[in-house]
Protein backbone atom coordinates (compact mmCIF):
# COMPACT_ATOMS: atom_id res chain seq x y z
CA MET A 1 -123.43 -106.96 11.90
CA ALA A 2 -120.00 -108.56 12.10
CA HIS A 3 -119.06 -111.10 9.39
CA LEU A 4 -122.52 -111.36 7.81
CA ASN A 5 -124.64 -108.67 6.20
CA CYS A 6 -128.09 -110.17 6.65
CA GLY A 7 -129.70 -107.03 5.29
CA CYS A 8 -128.06 -107.61 1.92
CA LEU A 9 -129.23 -111.21 2.01
CA ILE A 10 -132.83 -110.17 2.66
CA ARG A 11 -132.71 -107.47 -0.01
CA SER A 12 -131.33 -109.91 -2.58
CA PHE A 13 -133.85 -112.70 -2.11
CA GLY A 14 -136.92 -111.06 -0.57
CA GLU A 15 -139.16 -112.19 2.24
CA SER A 16 -139.40 -115.72 0.82
CA LEU A 17 -135.72 -116.17 1.64
CA GLY A 18 -134.90 -119.87 1.64
CA VAL A 19 -133.27 -121.48 4.61
CA PHE A 20 -130.73 -123.15 2.36
CA LEU A 21 -129.47 -119.83 1.01
CA LEU A 22 -128.99 -118.50 4.52
CA PHE A 23 -127.15 -121.70 5.40
CA CYS A 24 -124.80 -121.15 2.49
CA LEU A 25 -123.91 -117.55 3.24
CA ALA A 26 -123.68 -118.05 6.99
CA PHE A 27 -121.39 -121.02 6.61
CA LEU A 28 -119.17 -119.27 4.09
CA CYS A 29 -118.77 -116.31 6.41
CA LEU A 30 -118.15 -118.49 9.44
CA GLY A 31 -115.67 -120.71 7.65
CA SER A 32 -117.57 -123.98 8.02
CA THR A 33 -116.46 -126.93 5.90
CA ALA A 34 -119.75 -128.83 6.30
CA SER A 35 -121.40 -130.18 3.18
CA LEU A 36 -124.45 -128.01 2.79
CA ALA A 37 -126.02 -130.22 0.17
CA THR A 38 -125.72 -133.18 2.51
CA LEU A 39 -127.07 -131.12 5.38
CA LYS A 40 -130.10 -129.97 3.45
CA GLY A 41 -130.70 -133.46 2.13
CA SER A 42 -130.66 -134.88 5.63
CA LEU A 43 -133.76 -132.94 6.64
CA PRO A 44 -136.91 -135.07 6.52
CA ALA A 45 -139.29 -134.13 3.74
CA ARG A 46 -142.42 -132.33 4.87
CA PRO A 47 -145.41 -134.21 3.42
CA LYS A 48 -148.65 -132.62 2.35
CA GLY A 49 -151.42 -132.58 4.90
CA ASP A 50 -151.62 -131.71 8.58
CA ALA A 51 -148.41 -129.87 9.47
CA GLY A 52 -149.11 -130.27 13.18
CA ALA A 53 -149.44 -134.03 12.87
CA TRP A 54 -146.25 -134.16 10.79
CA GLU A 55 -144.39 -132.16 13.41
CA SER A 56 -145.59 -134.35 16.27
CA HIS A 57 -144.53 -137.45 14.41
CA GLN A 58 -141.08 -136.06 13.66
CA LEU A 59 -140.49 -134.95 17.23
CA ALA A 60 -141.54 -138.34 18.50
CA GLU A 61 -139.73 -140.49 15.95
CA ASP A 62 -136.76 -138.61 14.49
CA PRO A 63 -133.62 -138.61 16.66
CA ARG A 64 -132.18 -135.77 14.58
CA VAL A 65 -134.72 -133.41 16.11
CA HIS A 66 -133.48 -134.18 19.59
CA LYS A 67 -129.88 -133.67 18.50
CA LEU A 68 -130.73 -130.33 16.92
CA LEU A 69 -132.41 -129.18 20.11
CA SER A 70 -129.32 -130.20 22.06
CA ASP A 71 -127.03 -128.40 19.60
CA LEU A 72 -129.15 -125.27 19.80
CA GLU A 73 -128.70 -125.11 23.56
CA THR A 74 -125.11 -126.36 23.95
CA LYS A 75 -123.16 -125.60 20.78
CA SER A 76 -121.85 -122.34 19.38
CA GLY A 77 -120.89 -120.88 16.01
CA SER A 78 -122.09 -122.59 12.84
CA ALA A 79 -123.43 -125.64 14.71
CA ARG A 80 -125.90 -123.46 16.61
CA LEU A 81 -126.92 -121.60 13.46
CA GLU A 82 -127.42 -124.88 11.64
CA ALA A 83 -129.56 -126.24 14.45
CA ALA A 84 -131.73 -123.12 14.69
CA LEU A 85 -132.42 -122.93 10.98
CA ALA A 86 -133.06 -126.65 10.64
CA LEU A 87 -135.56 -126.59 13.50
CA GLY A 88 -137.31 -123.65 11.87
CA GLU A 89 -137.44 -125.48 8.55
CA MET A 90 -138.94 -128.49 10.32
CA ARG A 91 -141.44 -126.27 12.22
CA ALA A 92 -140.41 -127.95 15.44
CA GLY A 93 -142.69 -126.51 18.11
CA ARG A 94 -140.43 -127.77 20.89
CA ALA A 95 -137.77 -125.36 19.65
CA LEU A 96 -139.89 -122.28 20.39
CA ALA A 97 -138.63 -121.69 23.94
CA PRO A 98 -134.89 -122.12 23.20
CA LEU A 99 -135.18 -120.04 20.03
CA MET A 100 -136.89 -117.23 21.91
CA ASP A 101 -134.19 -117.43 24.56
CA LEU A 102 -131.53 -117.19 21.85
CA LEU A 103 -133.30 -114.22 20.28
CA LYS A 104 -133.57 -112.36 23.58
CA ASN A 105 -130.21 -113.18 25.12
CA SER A 106 -127.56 -113.95 22.51
CA PRO A 107 -124.83 -111.28 22.32
CA LEU A 108 -124.32 -112.12 18.62
CA ALA A 109 -126.50 -110.38 16.07
CA ILE A 110 -126.20 -113.27 13.61
CA GLU A 111 -127.63 -115.65 16.22
CA ARG A 112 -130.48 -113.30 17.00
CA PHE A 113 -131.15 -112.89 13.28
CA VAL A 114 -131.25 -116.64 12.73
CA ALA A 115 -133.46 -117.17 15.79
CA ALA A 116 -135.99 -114.64 14.51
CA THR A 117 -135.93 -116.27 11.08
CA ALA A 118 -136.53 -119.72 12.56
CA LEU A 119 -139.40 -118.47 14.72
CA GLY A 120 -141.05 -117.04 11.63
CA ASP A 121 -140.63 -120.36 9.82
CA ILE A 122 -142.27 -122.23 12.71
CA GLY A 123 -145.14 -119.74 12.57
CA ASP A 124 -146.46 -120.17 16.10
CA SER A 125 -148.26 -117.19 17.62
CA SER A 126 -146.67 -117.86 21.02
CA ALA A 127 -143.53 -116.22 19.61
CA VAL A 128 -145.28 -112.94 18.79
CA THR A 129 -144.67 -111.21 22.11
CA CYS A 130 -140.96 -112.01 21.92
CA LEU A 131 -140.68 -110.86 18.31
CA VAL A 132 -142.58 -107.65 19.05
CA SER A 133 -140.20 -106.84 21.90
CA VAL A 134 -137.29 -107.30 19.50
CA LEU A 135 -138.99 -105.10 16.92
CA GLU A 136 -139.35 -102.38 19.54
CA ALA A 137 -135.97 -102.57 21.29
CA GLU A 138 -133.38 -104.30 19.08
CA GLU A 139 -130.49 -102.07 18.06
CA ASP A 140 -129.39 -104.10 15.04
CA ALA A 141 -131.47 -103.18 11.98
CA ASP A 142 -130.98 -106.58 10.32
CA VAL A 143 -132.34 -108.39 13.38
CA ARG A 144 -135.26 -105.96 13.51
CA SER A 145 -135.96 -106.64 9.85
CA ALA A 146 -135.90 -110.39 10.50
CA ALA A 147 -138.37 -109.91 13.35
CA ALA A 148 -140.71 -107.94 11.08
CA ILE A 149 -140.53 -110.64 8.40
CA ALA A 150 -141.23 -113.31 11.01
CA LEU A 151 -144.26 -111.41 12.30
CA GLY A 152 -145.55 -111.17 8.75
CA LYS A 153 -145.31 -114.93 8.43
CA ILE A 154 -147.15 -115.53 11.71
CA ARG A 155 -149.87 -113.00 10.82
CA ASP A 156 -151.03 -112.23 14.34
CA PRO A 157 -152.88 -108.89 14.72
CA MET A 158 -151.13 -108.36 18.07
CA ALA A 159 -148.07 -107.26 16.10
CA VAL A 160 -149.83 -104.53 14.13
CA ASP A 161 -149.17 -101.57 16.44
CA SER A 162 -145.43 -102.26 16.63
CA LEU A 163 -145.19 -102.79 12.88
CA ILE A 164 -147.00 -99.51 12.26
CA GLU A 165 -144.59 -97.75 14.59
CA ASN A 166 -141.67 -99.20 12.64
CA LEU A 167 -142.95 -97.68 9.41
CA GLU A 168 -141.18 -94.60 10.76
CA ASN A 169 -137.96 -96.36 11.79
CA GLU A 170 -134.81 -94.55 10.76
CA ASN A 171 -133.62 -97.64 8.85
CA SER A 172 -135.28 -98.09 5.47
CA ASP A 173 -134.99 -101.89 5.56
CA VAL A 174 -136.93 -102.03 8.81
CA ARG A 175 -139.58 -99.75 7.30
CA ARG A 176 -139.70 -101.88 4.15
CA TRP A 177 -140.28 -105.17 5.95
CA ALA A 178 -142.72 -103.64 8.42
CA ALA A 179 -144.79 -102.51 5.44
CA ALA A 180 -144.66 -105.98 3.91
CA ALA A 181 -145.66 -107.65 7.18
CA LEU A 182 -148.68 -105.40 7.56
CA GLY A 183 -149.92 -106.54 4.17
CA SER A 184 -149.65 -110.16 5.26
CA ILE A 185 -151.65 -109.51 8.44
CA LYS A 186 -154.32 -107.49 6.58
CA ASP A 187 -155.49 -105.49 9.59
CA PRO A 188 -157.55 -102.38 8.72
CA ARG A 189 -155.64 -100.33 11.31
CA SER A 190 -152.66 -100.32 8.98
CA VAL A 191 -154.41 -98.74 5.99
CA PHE A 192 -153.73 -95.08 6.80
CA PRO A 193 -150.12 -95.69 7.96
CA LEU A 194 -149.46 -97.60 4.74
CA ILE A 195 -150.99 -94.77 2.70
CA ALA A 196 -148.58 -92.42 4.47
CA ALA A 197 -145.73 -94.81 3.60
CA LEU A 198 -146.49 -94.27 -0.11
CA GLY A 199 -144.63 -90.99 0.43
CA ASP A 200 -141.52 -92.58 1.95
CA GLU A 201 -138.20 -91.36 0.59
CA MET A 202 -137.06 -94.96 -0.11
CA TYR A 203 -138.75 -96.52 -3.13
CA LEU A 204 -138.68 -100.06 -1.70
CA VAL A 205 -140.76 -98.87 1.25
CA ARG A 206 -143.24 -97.26 -1.14
CA LEU A 207 -143.33 -100.45 -3.23
CA ASN A 208 -144.13 -102.66 -0.23
CA ALA A 209 -146.69 -100.14 1.01
CA ALA A 210 -148.49 -100.26 -2.34
CA ARG A 211 -148.31 -104.03 -2.46
CA SER A 212 -149.68 -104.34 1.07
CA LEU A 213 -152.53 -101.96 0.36
CA GLY A 214 -153.49 -104.24 -2.50
CA GLU A 215 -153.46 -107.21 -0.15
CA ILE A 216 -155.69 -105.42 2.37
CA ARG A 217 -158.07 -104.20 -0.38
CA ASP A 218 -159.52 -101.24 1.47
CA PRO A 219 -161.22 -98.68 -0.86
CA LEU A 220 -159.77 -95.87 1.27
CA ALA A 221 -156.46 -96.52 -0.48
CA VAL A 222 -157.79 -96.03 -4.00
CA ASP A 223 -157.12 -92.32 -4.46
CA PRO A 224 -153.59 -92.44 -2.95
CA LEU A 225 -152.78 -95.44 -5.14
CA ILE A 226 -154.05 -93.64 -8.25
CA ALA A 227 -151.75 -90.76 -7.36
CA SER A 228 -148.88 -93.21 -6.90
CA CYS A 229 -149.60 -94.79 -10.28
CA SER A 230 -149.19 -91.50 -12.07
CA GLY A 231 -146.74 -89.68 -9.86
CA ASP A 232 -144.11 -92.03 -8.45
CA SER A 233 -140.71 -91.74 -10.08
CA PHE A 234 -139.97 -95.49 -9.91
CA PRO A 235 -141.63 -97.83 -12.44
CA ASP A 236 -141.81 -100.72 -9.96
CA VAL A 237 -143.75 -98.60 -7.48
CA ARG A 238 -146.14 -97.48 -10.22
CA TRP A 239 -146.62 -101.10 -11.28
CA TRP A 240 -147.41 -102.31 -7.76
CA SER A 241 -149.75 -99.39 -7.24
CA ALA A 242 -151.63 -100.36 -10.39
CA HIS A 243 -151.66 -103.99 -9.27
CA ALA A 244 -153.05 -102.96 -5.89
CA LEU A 245 -155.83 -101.03 -7.60
CA GLY A 246 -156.63 -104.14 -9.59
CA GLU A 247 -156.92 -106.10 -6.34
CA ILE A 248 -159.23 -103.51 -4.78
CA ARG A 249 -161.45 -103.36 -7.90
CA ASP A 250 -162.90 -99.94 -7.29
CA PRO A 251 -164.61 -98.18 -10.25
CA ARG A 252 -162.63 -95.01 -9.56
CA ALA A 253 -159.49 -96.75 -10.83
CA THR A 254 -160.91 -97.52 -14.28
C-alpha cells in the first residue's frame, strides 16, 4: 500500500485500534498540517445509553455530521480520510452508503482501508455483504484485513463462510484477523477450521485461533488446545491455549 503500511498499524495496536491513532499516522504520511488534537476534540462525546437514539440526535442536530458527509463524497486526500473515520467514530448510519461506495470503488488502498474500518466502527449489518465481497476479492492484504476486523465487530453469522475461507489466505495477517473475527461471531461452524488453524505456520494465527476457540467454548476444541498448551513453540500461544481451556471448563483440561 503506497505511503501507509496499514498492516503494521494493525499489528502494532491490535483489533481495538483507535481511530485517533489511525488519524495520526495517516495524516503524517499524507503530509497534513491539521491539528489532530483539535480534530479529535471537536467530535461530540458519545453518551451512555441508546446508541441509536444518540446517533439520530446527532444527525438531526449537529451540522458537523452534514459537513463530514459532504467531505466524504466531494473531497480527496486527508479530508476524505478524516471524514470517513470521524463518521465511523460517530456511528453515523447515514454514512453507510457512501462508505460502502468508497470501499468498493476507490482506486486508493488507503481509502478502501479507512472505509472498511469506519464500517466496522458503525457496526451495522447492512454493510456485511459489501465487506464480505471485499474479503473475497480484494487484492490488497491490508484492506482485506480491515474487512475481516470490521466483520468481527459487526458479528453477523453471514460472514462466517468467507472468514473460514480466509483462514487459508496466503497472507498471514488476513488469516490472523479472520481467526479473530470468527471468535467474535462465535458460530459453531468455525470450530473445526479454527482447530486446523492451531497448526498454522505463523504463531499470531495460532494465537488468535486459540483465543477464538476459548470465546466459542466448544468442548470439541479441548484436546487440540491441550496439545497446543504443551506443544506450541511460542509461549503466547501456549498461554492463550491454556486461557481458552479455562473458558471452556472441561474436566479433561484439569
